């Protein structure tokens, strides 16, 4: 019988993830019952059938997860021998604000340095197709926040997210990019150079293995991590079709985190954000409200 305890914790969790049948919510349910990941691996197939939503196919897959342990350990060892680190949601260094989520990621793959618990962080997000004024406003905001010792979080997306990351880097600050894919499929591709700089001066973060491509579902799933990693969220210019931005704002509202929106001459779509309790920022003087709210 394989001894799960002889493998690293990250490998044990990855082995469950590799089944394709254990996501963050299922993992939390299993862990609440079995207490340790090793105990999950040693449980019998019949036991999993007693859980709501776990039928015969999933039960069999979870019971067989121990067969993935050697492969999982090899993957972890190869990543950590290179430039990618791996941390689990059970590690003490795991970003504490992510634990506030109903479904914190089981594993984080990252390049760079994860934020310290003491570092206050603000997400700067918005639409991809925006005006030059919208870009300028987001860069200015990120620079102001960086000067106050705030870390900037974004999704490496075109438009406002890119502007936020750029503003932080221009001030020599730290910025954290959450990806909707693995590191071998940087999205969008034109931000590959920016991703390298962020990894050197901040951190690239993903809940996916490096070879995982982008998908619509992963784009949506990334939003909760952007909010979870942040203490407050600022929305820059937003267009009516910015479903992802609105989804992120709603997630912010649900988690009870402060939400702000930059009011610019090209930014006229506030209804959905207002419903989420967004506080308007009308100029540089109002930016002080953001970092003062984190004190």
C-alpha atoms as a PDB file:
ATOM      1  CA  UNK A   1       0.000   0.000   0.000  1.00  0.00           C
ATOM      2  CA  UNK A   2       1.340   3.443  -0.956  1.00  0.00           C
ATOM      3  CA  UNK A   3       2.109   5.691   1.991  1.00  0.00           C
ATOM      4  CA  UNK A   4       0.773   9.167   1.012  1.00  0.00           C
ATOM      5  CA  UNK A   5       2.735  10.740   3.848  1.00  0.00           C
ATOM      6  CA  UNK A   6       5.996   9.927   2.080  1.00  0.00           C
ATOM      7  CA  UNK A   7       5.098  12.479  -0.606  1.00  0.00           C
ATOM      8  CA  UNK A   8       5.125  16.252  -0.216  1.00  0.00           C
ATOM      9  CA  UNK A   9       1.861  17.931   0.740  1.00  0.00           C
ATOM     10  CA  UNK A  10       1.752  19.751  -2.593  1.00  0.00           C
ATOM     11  CA  UNK A  11       2.181  16.440  -4.431  1.00  0.00           C
ATOM     12  CA  UNK A  12      -0.608  14.835  -2.416  1.00  0.00           C
ATOM     13  CA  UNK A  13      -2.971  17.678  -3.316  1.00  0.00           C
ATOM     14  CA  UNK A  14      -1.879  17.718  -6.951  1.00  0.00           C
ATOM     15  CA  UNK A  15      -2.575  13.977  -7.168  1.00  0.00           C
ATOM     16  CA  UNK A  16      -6.196  14.709  -6.212  1.00  0.00           C
ATOM     17  CA  UNK A  17      -6.356  17.595  -8.664  1.00  0.00           C
ATOM     18  CA  UNK A  18      -5.025  15.405 -11.487  1.00  0.00           C
ATOM     19  CA  UNK A  19      -8.100  13.174 -11.242  1.00  0.00           C
ATOM     20  CA  UNK A  20     -10.146  15.999 -12.753  1.00  0.00           C
ATOM     21  CA  UNK A  21     -12.791  15.235 -10.128  1.00  0.00           C
ATOM     22  CA  UNK A  22     -11.566  17.273  -7.152  1.00  0.00           C
ATOM     23  CA  UNK A  23     -11.862  21.046  -7.309  1.00  0.00           C
ATOM     24  CA  UNK A  24     -11.526  23.569  -4.479  1.00  0.00           C
ATOM     25  CA  UNK A  25     -15.046  23.090  -3.093  1.00  0.00           C
ATOM     26  CA  UNK A  26     -14.883  19.286  -3.112  1.00  0.00           C
ATOM     27  CA  UNK A  27     -11.413  19.410  -1.590  1.00  0.00           C
ATOM     28  CA  UNK A  28     -12.652  21.569   1.297  1.00  0.00           C
ATOM     29  CA  UNK A  29     -15.541  19.181   1.953  1.00  0.00           C
ATOM     30  CA  UNK A  30     -13.268  16.142   1.957  1.00  0.00           C
ATOM     31  CA  UNK A  31     -10.692  17.834   4.160  1.00  0.00           C
ATOM     32  CA  UNK A  32     -13.341  18.818   6.701  1.00  0.00           C
ATOM     33  CA  UNK A  33     -14.197  15.137   7.117  1.00  0.00           C
ATOM     34  CA  UNK A  34     -10.790  13.447   6.828  1.00  0.00           C
ATOM     35  CA  UNK A  35      -8.717  16.230   8.461  1.00  0.00           C
ATOM     36  CA  UNK A  36      -5.546  15.479   6.460  1.00  0.00           C
ATOM     37  CA  UNK A  37      -4.832  14.975   2.771  1.00  0.00           C
ATOM     38  CA  UNK A  38      -3.148  11.646   3.535  1.00  0.00           C
ATOM     39  CA  UNK A  39      -6.374  10.381   5.087  1.00  0.00           C
ATOM     40  CA  UNK A  40      -8.291  11.331   1.928  1.00  0.00           C
ATOM     41  CA  UNK A  41      -5.883   9.224  -0.108  1.00  0.00           C
ATOM     42  CA  UNK A  42      -6.318   6.260   2.230  1.00  0.00           C
ATOM     43  CA  UNK A  43     -10.126   6.342   2.236  1.00  0.00           C
ATOM     44  CA  UNK A  44     -12.144   3.663   0.455  1.00  0.00           C
ATOM     45  CA  UNK A  45     -14.235   4.266  -2.651  1.00  0.00           C
ATOM     46  CA  UNK A  46     -17.461   3.405  -0.813  1.00  0.00           C
ATOM     47  CA  UNK A  47     -16.852   6.214   1.685  1.00  0.00           C
ATOM     48  CA  UNK A  48     -16.883   8.885  -1.012  1.00  0.00           C
ATOM     49  CA  UNK A  49     -20.271   7.715  -2.258  1.00  0.00           C
ATOM     50  CA  UNK A  50     -21.765   9.018   0.985  1.00  0.00           C
ATOM     51  CA  UNK A  51     -20.937  12.605   0.015  1.00  0.00           C
ATOM     52  CA  UNK A  52     -23.666  14.597  -1.785  1.00  0.00           C
ATOM     53  CA  UNK A  53     -22.839  15.079  -5.452  1.00  0.00           C
ATOM     54  CA  UNK A  54     -20.200  12.359  -5.562  1.00  0.00           C
ATOM     55  CA  UNK A  55     -21.435   9.495  -7.709  1.00  0.00           C
ATOM     56  CA  UNK A  56     -19.747   6.222  -8.660  1.00  0.00           C
ATOM     57  CA  UNK A  57     -17.492   7.746 -11.350  1.00  0.00           C
ATOM     58  CA  UNK A  58     -16.148  10.507  -9.112  1.00  0.00           C
ATOM     59  CA  UNK A  59     -15.882   8.174  -6.146  1.00  0.00           C
ATOM     60  CA  UNK A  60     -13.753   5.748  -8.137  1.00  0.00           C
ATOM     61  CA  UNK A  61     -11.524   8.543  -9.452  1.00  0.00           C
ATOM     62  CA  UNK A  62     -10.909   9.991  -5.975  1.00  0.00           C
ATOM     63  CA  UNK A  63     -10.218   6.548  -4.515  1.00  0.00           C
ATOM     64  CA  UNK A  64      -7.652   5.993  -7.277  1.00  0.00           C
ATOM     65  CA  UNK A  65      -5.966   9.379  -6.744  1.00  0.00           C
ATOM     66  CA  UNK A  66      -3.082   7.699  -4.900  1.00  0.00           C
ATOM     67  CA  UNK A  67      -2.042   6.239  -8.259  1.00  0.00           C
ATOM     68  CA  UNK A  68      -1.149   9.794  -9.334  1.00  0.00           C
ATOM     69  CA  UNK A  69       1.240  10.420  -6.442  1.00  0.00           C
ATOM     70  CA  UNK A  70       4.458   9.480  -8.244  1.00  0.00           C
ATOM     71  CA  UNK A  71       3.504  11.591 -11.258  1.00  0.00           C
ATOM     72  CA  UNK A  72       2.450  14.504  -9.046  1.00  0.00           C
ATOM     73  CA  UNK A  73       5.713  14.437  -7.076  1.00  0.00           C
ATOM     74  CA  UNK A  74       7.714  14.367 -10.301  1.00  0.00           C
ATOM     75  CA  UNK A  75       5.801  17.391 -11.615  1.00  0.00           C
ATOM     76  CA  UNK A  76       6.345  19.329  -8.392  1.00  0.00           C
ATOM     77  CA  UNK A  77      10.047  18.470  -8.254  1.00  0.00           C
ATOM     78  CA  UNK A  78      10.597  19.497 -11.880  1.00  0.00           C
ATOM     79  CA  UNK A  79       8.769  22.811 -11.407  1.00  0.00           C
ATOM     80  CA  UNK A  80      10.641  23.714  -8.242  1.00  0.00           C
ATOM     81  CA  UNK A  81      13.954  22.778  -9.844  1.00  0.00           C
ATOM     82  CA  UNK A  82      13.168  25.426 -12.447  1.00  0.00           C
ATOM     83  CA  UNK A  83      11.665  28.870 -11.951  1.00  0.00           C
ATOM     84  CA  UNK A  84       8.222  27.926 -10.656  1.00  0.00           C
ATOM     85  CA  UNK A  85       7.313  27.542  -6.991  1.00  0.00           C
ATOM     86  CA  UNK A  86       4.256  25.729  -5.654  1.00  0.00           C
ATOM     87  CA  UNK A  87       2.336  26.344  -2.457  1.00  0.00           C
ATOM     88  CA  UNK A  88      -0.806  24.733  -1.088  1.00  0.00           C
ATOM     89  CA  UNK A  89      -3.766  26.290   0.665  1.00  0.00           C
ATOM     90  CA  UNK A  90      -2.663  24.424   3.806  1.00  0.00           C
ATOM     91  CA  UNK A  91       0.770  26.068   3.955  1.00  0.00           C
ATOM     92  CA  UNK A  92       1.326  28.885   6.431  1.00  0.00           C
ATOM     93  CA  UNK A  93       2.785  31.100   3.677  1.00  0.00           C
ATOM     94  CA  UNK A  94      -0.388  30.884   1.599  1.00  0.00           C
ATOM     95  CA  UNK A  95      -1.828  34.414   1.119  1.00  0.00           C
ATOM     96  CA  UNK A  96      -4.208  34.868   4.036  1.00  0.00           C
ATOM     97  CA  UNK A  97      -6.797  36.913   2.145  1.00  0.00           C
ATOM     98  CA  UNK A  98      -7.363  34.048  -0.295  1.00  0.00           C
ATOM     99  CA  UNK A  99      -8.616  31.968   2.613  1.00  0.00           C
ATOM    100  CA  UNK A 100     -11.641  34.281   2.772  1.00  0.00           C
ATOM    101  CA  UNK A 101     -12.928  32.764  -0.455  1.00  0.00           C
ATOM    102  CA  UNK A 102     -15.512  29.984  -0.407  1.00  0.00           C
ATOM    103  CA  UNK A 103     -13.264  28.116  -2.821  1.00  0.00           C
ATOM    104  CA  UNK A 104      -9.621  29.075  -2.303  1.00  0.00           C
ATOM    105  CA  UNK A 105      -7.328  27.398  -4.831  1.00  0.00           C
ATOM    106  CA  UNK A 106      -5.916  24.079  -3.727  1.00  0.00           C
ATOM    107  CA  UNK A 107      -2.514  25.017  -5.122  1.00  0.00           C
ATOM    108  CA  UNK A 108      -0.840  28.197  -6.321  1.00  0.00           C
ATOM    109  CA  UNK A 109       1.917  28.094  -8.903  1.00  0.00           C
ATOM    110  CA  UNK A 110       3.985  31.256  -8.852  1.00  0.00           C
ATOM    111  CA  UNK A 111       7.055  32.969 -10.209  1.00  0.00           C
ATOM    112  CA  UNK A 112       8.539  35.726  -8.113  1.00  0.00           C
ATOM    113  CA  UNK A 113       7.734  36.502  -4.505  1.00  0.00           C
ATOM    114  CA  UNK A 114       4.288  36.161  -3.005  1.00  0.00           C
ATOM    115  CA  UNK A 115       3.064  39.204  -1.050  1.00  0.00           C
ATOM    116  CA  UNK A 116       3.858  39.383   2.636  1.00  0.00           C
ATOM    117  CA  UNK A 117       0.854  39.295   4.967  1.00  0.00           C
ATOM    118  CA  UNK A 118       1.635  42.872   6.018  1.00  0.00           C
ATOM    119  CA  UNK A 119       1.569  44.273   2.468  1.00  0.00           C
ATOM    120  CA  UNK A 120      -1.697  46.045   1.655  1.00  0.00           C
ATOM    121  CA  UNK A 121      -2.884  45.305  -1.869  1.00  0.00           C
ATOM    122  CA  UNK A 122      -5.329  46.981  -4.241  1.00  0.00           C
ATOM    123  CA  UNK A 123      -6.624  45.484  -7.472  1.00  0.00           C
ATOM    124  CA  UNK A 124      -6.775  47.834 -10.467  1.00  0.00           C
ATOM    125  CA  UNK A 125      -9.097  46.374 -13.093  1.00  0.00           C
ATOM    126  CA  UNK A 126     -11.357  47.433 -15.965  1.00  0.00           C
ATOM    127  CA  UNK A 127     -12.126  47.024 -19.636  1.00  0.00           C
ATOM    128  CA  UNK A 128      -9.674  45.951 -22.304  1.00  0.00           C
ATOM    129  CA  UNK A 129     -10.795  48.367 -25.025  1.00  0.00           C
ATOM    130  CA  UNK A 130     -10.442  51.799 -23.464  1.00  0.00           C
ATOM    131  CA  UNK A 131      -9.451  55.370 -24.207  1.00  0.00           C
ATOM    132  CA  UNK A 132      -6.012  56.915 -23.754  1.00  0.00           C
ATOM    133  CA  UNK A 133      -7.474  58.886 -20.837  1.00  0.00           C
ATOM    134  CA  UNK A 134      -8.602  55.654 -19.218  1.00  0.00           C
ATOM    135  CA  UNK A 135      -5.104  54.214 -19.495  1.00  0.00           C
ATOM    136  CA  UNK A 136      -3.571  57.398 -18.094  1.00  0.00           C
ATOM    137  CA  UNK A 137      -5.960  57.457 -15.129  1.00  0.00           C
ATOM    138  CA  UNK A 138      -5.187  53.844 -14.235  1.00  0.00           C
ATOM    139  CA  UNK A 139      -1.421  54.405 -14.481  1.00  0.00           C
ATOM    140  CA  UNK A 140      -1.673  57.527 -12.324  1.00  0.00           C
ATOM    141  CA  UNK A 141      -3.739  55.706  -9.703  1.00  0.00           C
ATOM    142  CA  UNK A 142      -1.316  52.776  -9.562  1.00  0.00           C
ATOM    143  CA  UNK A 143       1.643  55.161  -9.223  1.00  0.00           C
ATOM    144  CA  UNK A 144      -0.038  57.061  -6.377  1.00  0.00           C
ATOM    145  CA  UNK A 145      -0.886  53.853  -4.524  1.00  0.00           C
ATOM    146  CA  UNK A 146       2.611  52.470  -5.055  1.00  0.00           C
ATOM    147  CA  UNK A 147       4.139  55.584  -3.497  1.00  0.00           C
ATOM    148  CA  UNK A 148       2.083  54.819  -0.392  1.00  0.00           C
ATOM    149  CA  UNK A 149       3.555  51.331  -0.180  1.00  0.00           C
ATOM    150  CA  UNK A 150       0.537  49.566  -1.694  1.00  0.00           C
ATOM    151  CA  UNK A 151       0.939  46.479  -3.894  1.00  0.00           C
ATOM    152  CA  UNK A 152      -1.035  46.451  -7.154  1.00  0.00           C
ATOM    153  CA  UNK A 153      -3.003  43.378  -8.226  1.00  0.00           C
ATOM    154  CA  UNK A 154      -4.392  42.700 -11.713  1.00  0.00           C
ATOM    155  CA  UNK A 155      -5.074  40.013 -14.265  1.00  0.00           C
ATOM    156  CA  UNK A 156      -2.437  40.905 -16.899  1.00  0.00           C
ATOM    157  CA  UNK A 157      -5.347  41.642 -19.255  1.00  0.00           C
ATOM    158  CA  UNK A 158      -5.184  44.317 -21.935  1.00  0.00           C
ATOM    159  CA  UNK A 159      -6.288  47.822 -21.013  1.00  0.00           C
ATOM    160  CA  UNK A 160      -6.781  48.804 -17.380  1.00  0.00           C
ATOM    161  CA  UNK A 161      -5.067  45.747 -15.842  1.00  0.00           C
ATOM    162  CA  UNK A 162      -1.960  46.330 -17.950  1.00  0.00           C
ATOM    163  CA  UNK A 163      -2.007  50.018 -17.026  1.00  0.00           C
ATOM    164  CA  UNK A 164      -2.173  49.156 -13.331  1.00  0.00           C
ATOM    165  CA  UNK A 165       0.773  46.781 -13.534  1.00  0.00           C
ATOM    166  CA  UNK A 166       2.732  49.326 -15.588  1.00  0.00           C
ATOM    167  CA  UNK A 167       2.059  52.159 -13.158  1.00  0.00           C
ATOM    168  CA  UNK A 168       3.345  50.108 -10.236  1.00  0.00           C
ATOM    169  CA  UNK A 169       6.501  49.092 -12.100  1.00  0.00           C
ATOM    170  CA  UNK A 170       7.183  52.688 -13.175  1.00  0.00           C
ATOM    171  CA  UNK A 171       7.322  53.638  -9.489  1.00  0.00           C
ATOM    172  CA  UNK A 172       9.585  50.715  -8.638  1.00  0.00           C
ATOM    173  CA  UNK A 173       6.782  49.032  -6.726  1.00  0.00           C
ATOM    174  CA  UNK A 174       5.474  45.506  -6.546  1.00  0.00           C
ATOM    175  CA  UNK A 175       2.639  44.179  -8.648  1.00  0.00           C
ATOM    176  CA  UNK A 176       0.938  40.789  -8.731  1.00  0.00           C
ATOM    177  CA  UNK A 177      -0.626  39.301 -11.861  1.00  0.00           C
ATOM    178  CA  UNK A 178      -3.169  36.486 -11.587  1.00  0.00           C
ATOM    179  CA  UNK A 179      -3.340  34.427 -14.783  1.00  0.00           C
ATOM    180  CA  UNK A 180      -6.315  32.570 -16.305  1.00  0.00           C
ATOM    181  CA  UNK A 181      -3.937  29.902 -17.622  1.00  0.00           C
ATOM    182  CA  UNK A 182      -0.559  28.302 -17.007  1.00  0.00           C
ATOM    183  CA  UNK A 183       2.772  30.081 -17.379  1.00  0.00           C
ATOM    184  CA  UNK A 184       3.483  28.456 -20.748  1.00  0.00           C
ATOM    185  CA  UNK A 185       0.421  30.156 -22.273  1.00  0.00           C
ATOM    186  CA  UNK A 186       0.708  33.811 -21.221  1.00  0.00           C
ATOM    187  CA  UNK A 187      -2.538  35.603 -22.073  1.00  0.00           C
ATOM    188  CA  UNK A 188      -2.601  37.913 -23.894  1.00  0.00           C
ATOM    189  CA  UNK A 189       0.548  36.931 -25.769  1.00  0.00           C
ATOM    190  CA  UNK A 190       1.616  40.550 -26.293  1.00  0.00           C
ATOM    191  CA  UNK A 191       2.081  40.876 -22.525  1.00  0.00           C
ATOM    192  CA  UNK A 192       4.773  38.185 -22.396  1.00  0.00           C
ATOM    193  CA  UNK A 193       7.540  40.737 -21.757  1.00  0.00           C
ATOM    194  CA  UNK A 194       5.448  42.455 -19.083  1.00  0.00           C
ATOM    195  CA  UNK A 195       4.889  39.068 -17.433  1.00  0.00           C
ATOM    196  CA  UNK A 196       8.648  38.505 -17.225  1.00  0.00           C
ATOM    197  CA  UNK A 197       9.143  41.908 -15.588  1.00  0.00           C
ATOM    198  CA  UNK A 198       6.337  41.273 -13.111  1.00  0.00           C
ATOM    199  CA  UNK A 199       7.898  37.935 -12.141  1.00  0.00           C
ATOM    200  CA  UNK A 200      11.216  39.701 -11.533  1.00  0.00           C
ATOM    201  CA  UNK A 201       9.811  42.587  -9.487  1.00  0.00           C
ATOM    202  CA  UNK A 202       6.580  41.183  -8.115  1.00  0.00           C
ATOM    203  CA  UNK A 203       4.845  37.878  -8.749  1.00  0.00           C
ATOM    204  CA  UNK A 204       3.017  35.924 -11.448  1.00  0.00           C
ATOM    205  CA  UNK A 205       0.352  33.698  -9.907  1.00  0.00           C
ATOM    206  CA  UNK A 206      -1.793  30.893 -11.314  1.00  0.00           C
ATOM    207  CA  UNK A 207      -3.887  28.056  -9.927  1.00  0.00           C
ATOM    208  CA  UNK A 208      -3.114  26.031 -13.062  1.00  0.00           C
ATOM    209  CA  UNK A 209      -0.248  23.828 -14.176  1.00  0.00           C
ATOM    210  CA  UNK A 210       2.111  25.581 -16.652  1.00  0.00           C
ATOM    211  CA  UNK A 211       0.745  23.863 -19.776  1.00  0.00           C
ATOM    212  CA  UNK A 212      -2.899  24.800 -19.082  1.00  0.00           C
ATOM    213  CA  UNK A 213      -4.330  27.036 -21.858  1.00  0.00           C
ATOM    214  CA  UNK A 214      -6.727  29.927 -21.318  1.00  0.00           C
ATOM    215  CA  UNK A 215     -10.486  29.292 -21.497  1.00  0.00           C
ATOM    216  CA  UNK A 216     -13.633  31.296 -20.808  1.00  0.00           C
ATOM    217  CA  UNK A 217     -14.204  29.384 -17.589  1.00  0.00           C
ATOM    218  CA  UNK A 218     -10.680  30.081 -16.365  1.00  0.00           C
ATOM    219  CA  UNK A 219     -11.029  33.766 -17.220  1.00  0.00           C
ATOM    220  CA  UNK A 220     -14.086  33.916 -14.955  1.00  0.00           C
ATOM    221  CA  UNK A 221     -12.476  31.810 -12.230  1.00  0.00           C
ATOM    222  CA  UNK A 222      -9.451  34.132 -12.156  1.00  0.00           C
ATOM    223  CA  UNK A 223     -11.662  37.048 -11.034  1.00  0.00           C
ATOM    224  CA  UNK A 224     -12.248  35.597  -7.570  1.00  0.00           C
ATOM    225  CA  UNK A 225      -8.475  35.291  -7.046  1.00  0.00           C
ATOM    226  CA  UNK A 226      -7.880  38.909  -8.052  1.00  0.00           C
ATOM    227  CA  UNK A 227     -10.420  39.996  -5.435  1.00  0.00           C
ATOM    228  CA  UNK A 228      -9.256  37.433  -2.899  1.00  0.00           C
ATOM    229  CA  UNK A 229      -5.652  38.575  -3.158  1.00  0.00           C
ATOM    230  CA  UNK A 230      -6.640  42.229  -2.646  1.00  0.00           C
ATOM    231  CA  UNK A 231      -7.816  44.330   0.284  1.00  0.00           C
ATOM    232  CA  UNK A 232      -9.759  46.701  -2.001  1.00  0.00           C
ATOM    233  CA  UNK A 233     -10.625  46.949  -5.690  1.00  0.00           C
ATOM    234  CA  UNK A 234     -10.587  49.962  -8.017  1.00  0.00           C
ATOM    235  CA  UNK A 235     -12.384  49.760 -11.355  1.00  0.00           C
ATOM    236  CA  UNK A 236     -11.030  52.027 -14.070  1.00  0.00           C
ATOM    237  CA  UNK A 237     -12.741  52.703 -17.370  1.00  0.00           C
ATOM    238  CA  UNK A 238     -15.435  50.141 -18.075  1.00  0.00           C
ATOM    239  CA  UNK A 239     -17.566  49.433 -21.147  1.00  0.00           C
ATOM    240  CA  UNK A 240     -21.068  47.904 -21.247  1.00  0.00           C
ATOM    241  CA  UNK A 241     -19.685  44.592 -22.527  1.00  0.00           C
ATOM    242  CA  UNK A 242     -17.175  44.244 -19.671  1.00  0.00           C
ATOM    243  CA  UNK A 243     -18.773  41.156 -18.175  1.00  0.00           C
ATOM    244  CA  UNK A 244     -15.556  40.114 -16.441  1.00  0.00           C
ATOM    245  CA  UNK A 245     -15.161  43.473 -14.720  1.00  0.00           C
ATOM    246  CA  UNK A 246     -18.750  43.421 -13.461  1.00  0.00           C
ATOM    247  CA  UNK A 247     -18.295  39.842 -12.252  1.00  0.00           C
ATOM    248  CA  UNK A 248     -15.203  40.887 -10.311  1.00  0.00           C
ATOM    249  CA  UNK A 249     -17.065  43.853  -8.789  1.00  0.00           C
ATOM    250  CA  UNK A 250     -19.875  41.557  -7.673  1.00  0.00           C
ATOM    251  CA  UNK A 251     -17.349  39.184  -6.111  1.00  0.00           C
ATOM    252  CA  UNK A 252     -15.838  42.158  -4.271  1.00  0.00           C
ATOM    253  CA  UNK A 253     -19.283  43.113  -2.969  1.00  0.00           C
ATOM    254  CA  UNK A 254     -20.016  39.557  -1.825  1.00  0.00           C
ATOM    255  CA  UNK A 255     -16.748  39.406   0.125  1.00  0.00           C
ATOM    256  CA  UNK A 256     -17.461  42.766   1.762  1.00  0.00           C
ATOM    257  CA  UNK A 257     -14.375  44.446   0.351  1.00  0.00           C
ATOM    258  CA  UNK A 258     -14.256  48.121  -0.554  1.00  0.00           C
ATOM    259  CA  UNK A 259     -14.955  48.856  -4.203  1.00  0.00           C
ATOM    260  CA  UNK A 260     -14.041  52.099  -5.968  1.00  0.00           C
ATOM    261  CA  UNK A 261     -14.557  53.334  -9.521  1.00  0.00           C
ATOM    262  CA  UNK A 262     -12.653  56.065 -11.379  1.00  0.00           C
ATOM    263  CA  UNK A 263     -15.067  58.597 -12.851  1.00  0.00           C
ATOM    264  CA  UNK A 264     -13.600  59.787 -16.163  1.00  0.00           C
ATOM    265  CA  UNK A 265     -15.010  61.578 -19.172  1.00  0.00           C
ATOM    266  CA  UNK A 266     -15.045  58.320 -21.158  1.00  0.00           C
ATOM    267  CA  UNK A 267     -16.393  56.217 -18.309  1.00  0.00           C
ATOM    268  CA  UNK A 268     -20.178  56.430 -18.282  1.00  0.00           C
ATOM    269  CA  UNK A 269     -21.242  52.924 -17.314  1.00  0.00           C
ATOM    270  CA  UNK A 270     -21.689  52.974 -13.547  1.00  0.00           C
ATOM    271  CA  UNK A 271     -25.098  51.406 -12.977  1.00  0.00           C
ATOM    272  CA  UNK A 272     -23.899  47.863 -12.323  1.00  0.00           C
ATOM    273  CA  UNK A 273     -20.967  49.120 -10.250  1.00  0.00           C
ATOM    274  CA  UNK A 274     -23.239  51.375  -8.219  1.00  0.00           C
ATOM    275  CA  UNK A 275     -25.358  48.336  -7.419  1.00  0.00           C
ATOM    276  CA  UNK A 276     -22.223  46.777  -5.959  1.00  0.00           C
ATOM    277  CA  UNK A 277     -21.636  49.810  -3.747  1.00  0.00           C
ATOM    278  CA  UNK A 278     -18.779  51.340  -5.735  1.00  0.00           C
ATOM    279  CA  UNK A 279     -17.369  54.566  -4.299  1.00  0.00           C
ATOM    280  CA  UNK A 280     -16.624  57.165  -7.033  1.00  0.00           C
ATOM    281  CA  UNK A 281     -13.149  58.634  -7.482  1.00  0.00           C
ATOM    282  CA  UNK A 282     -13.262  61.877  -9.418  1.00  0.00           C
ATOM    283  CA  UNK A 283      -9.619  62.906  -9.376  1.00  0.00           C
ATOM    284  CA  UNK A 284      -6.166  62.591  -7.857  1.00  0.00           C
ATOM    285  CA  UNK A 285      -7.292  64.029  -4.522  1.00  0.00           C
ATOM    286  CA  UNK A 286      -9.814  61.203  -4.184  1.00  0.00           C
ATOM    287  CA  UNK A 287      -7.098  58.579  -4.614  1.00  0.00           C
ATOM    288  CA  UNK A 288      -6.154  59.262  -1.011  1.00  0.00           C
ATOM    289  CA  UNK A 289      -9.446  57.658  -0.007  1.00  0.00           C
ATOM    290  CA  UNK A 290      -8.244  54.335  -1.338  1.00  0.00           C
ATOM    291  CA  UNK A 291      -5.074  53.972   0.683  1.00  0.00           C
ATOM    292  CA  UNK A 292      -6.544  55.661   3.757  1.00  0.00           C
ATOM    293  CA  UNK A 293      -9.310  53.067   3.732  1.00  0.00           C
ATOM    294  CA  UNK A 294      -6.696  50.351   4.214  1.00  0.00           C
ATOM    295  CA  UNK A 295      -5.204  51.797   7.381  1.00  0.00           C
END
